[in-house]
């Protein structure tokens, strides 16, 4: 649906990265059922969580990347800073 070929390609790469990370994380989930009860972390939950983290990350793909959750509030006009 995207008309921007570069953005479409970047989204495909992002999606591929996400599923590679799921494949890497799945054995950890399976190894520690006391931490991750069966069915608790589904691929859908992982992908959603992955997206939440990556969209709030400064320097994604950089070794010095930082997660700044409250920075997301700067994108919303309804948030009043005092």
Protein backbone atom coordinates (compact mmCIF):
# COMPACT_ATOMS: atom_id res chain seq x y z
CA UNK A 1 0.00 0.00 0.00
CA UNK A 2 2.98 2.30 0.47
CA UNK A 3 3.89 4.37 -2.54
CA UNK A 4 7.34 5.14 -1.15
CA UNK A 5 9.59 2.26 -2.22
CA UNK A 6 12.35 3.16 0.25
CA UNK A 7 9.95 3.18 3.20
CA UNK A 8 8.35 -0.07 2.05
CA UNK A 9 11.79 -1.70 1.92
CA UNK A 10 12.68 -0.36 5.39
CA UNK A 11 9.43 -1.79 6.79
CA UNK A 12 10.21 -5.17 5.25
CA UNK A 13 13.67 -5.10 6.84
CA UNK A 14 12.21 -4.04 10.21
CA UNK A 15 9.69 -6.89 10.02
CA UNK A 16 12.45 -9.38 9.18
CA UNK A 17 14.55 -8.10 12.13
CA UNK A 18 11.57 -8.47 14.44
CA UNK A 19 11.02 -12.10 13.47
CA UNK A 20 14.73 -12.88 13.74
CA UNK A 21 14.64 -11.52 17.29
CA UNK A 22 11.53 -13.63 18.02
CA UNK A 23 13.39 -16.71 16.77
CA UNK A 24 16.31 -15.85 19.06
CA UNK A 25 14.08 -15.14 22.09
CA UNK A 26 11.76 -18.15 21.73
CA UNK A 27 14.30 -20.66 23.12
CA UNK A 28 14.66 -18.46 26.22
CA UNK A 29 10.90 -18.49 26.71
CA UNK A 30 10.83 -22.26 26.36
CA UNK A 31 13.78 -22.74 28.72
CA UNK A 32 12.28 -20.73 31.60
CA UNK A 33 8.59 -21.63 31.98
CA UNK A 34 8.66 -20.42 35.59
CA UNK A 35 9.33 -16.90 34.26
CA UNK A 36 7.37 -17.16 31.02
CA UNK A 37 4.29 -19.37 31.61
CA UNK A 38 3.15 -21.34 28.57
CA UNK A 39 1.11 -19.15 26.26
CA UNK A 40 2.01 -15.94 28.13
CA UNK A 41 4.40 -14.63 25.48
CA UNK A 42 2.93 -15.33 22.07
CA UNK A 43 4.47 -14.16 18.80
CA UNK A 44 1.79 -11.45 18.66
CA UNK A 45 2.62 -10.19 22.18
CA UNK A 46 6.33 -10.24 21.36
CA UNK A 47 5.85 -8.30 18.10
CA UNK A 48 3.67 -5.72 19.84
CA UNK A 49 6.18 -5.31 22.67
CA UNK A 50 9.05 -5.16 20.19
CA UNK A 51 7.29 -2.37 18.31
CA UNK A 52 6.62 -0.45 21.54
CA UNK A 53 10.28 -0.58 22.49
CA UNK A 54 11.68 0.19 19.05
CA UNK A 55 9.38 3.15 18.44
CA UNK A 56 10.53 4.72 21.71
CA UNK A 57 14.19 4.06 21.13
CA UNK A 58 16.69 6.75 20.27
CA UNK A 59 19.50 5.47 18.08
CA UNK A 60 17.79 2.25 16.94
CA UNK A 61 20.38 0.00 15.34
CA UNK A 62 23.18 1.81 17.13
CA UNK A 63 25.29 0.26 19.90
CA UNK A 64 24.49 3.27 22.08
CA UNK A 65 20.70 3.08 21.64
CA UNK A 66 18.64 4.28 24.59
CA UNK A 67 15.03 3.67 25.55
CA UNK A 68 13.31 6.88 26.63
CA UNK A 69 9.63 6.05 27.26
CA UNK A 70 8.58 9.49 28.49
CA UNK A 71 9.98 11.13 25.35
CA UNK A 72 6.96 9.73 23.53
CA UNK A 73 4.83 12.24 25.45
CA UNK A 74 6.58 15.06 23.60
CA UNK A 75 4.72 13.95 20.46
CA UNK A 76 1.30 14.63 21.99
CA UNK A 77 -0.21 18.08 22.31
CA UNK A 78 -2.49 16.90 25.13
CA UNK A 79 0.51 16.41 27.43
CA UNK A 80 1.19 19.56 29.41
CA UNK A 81 4.70 20.10 30.75
CA UNK A 82 4.83 22.37 33.77
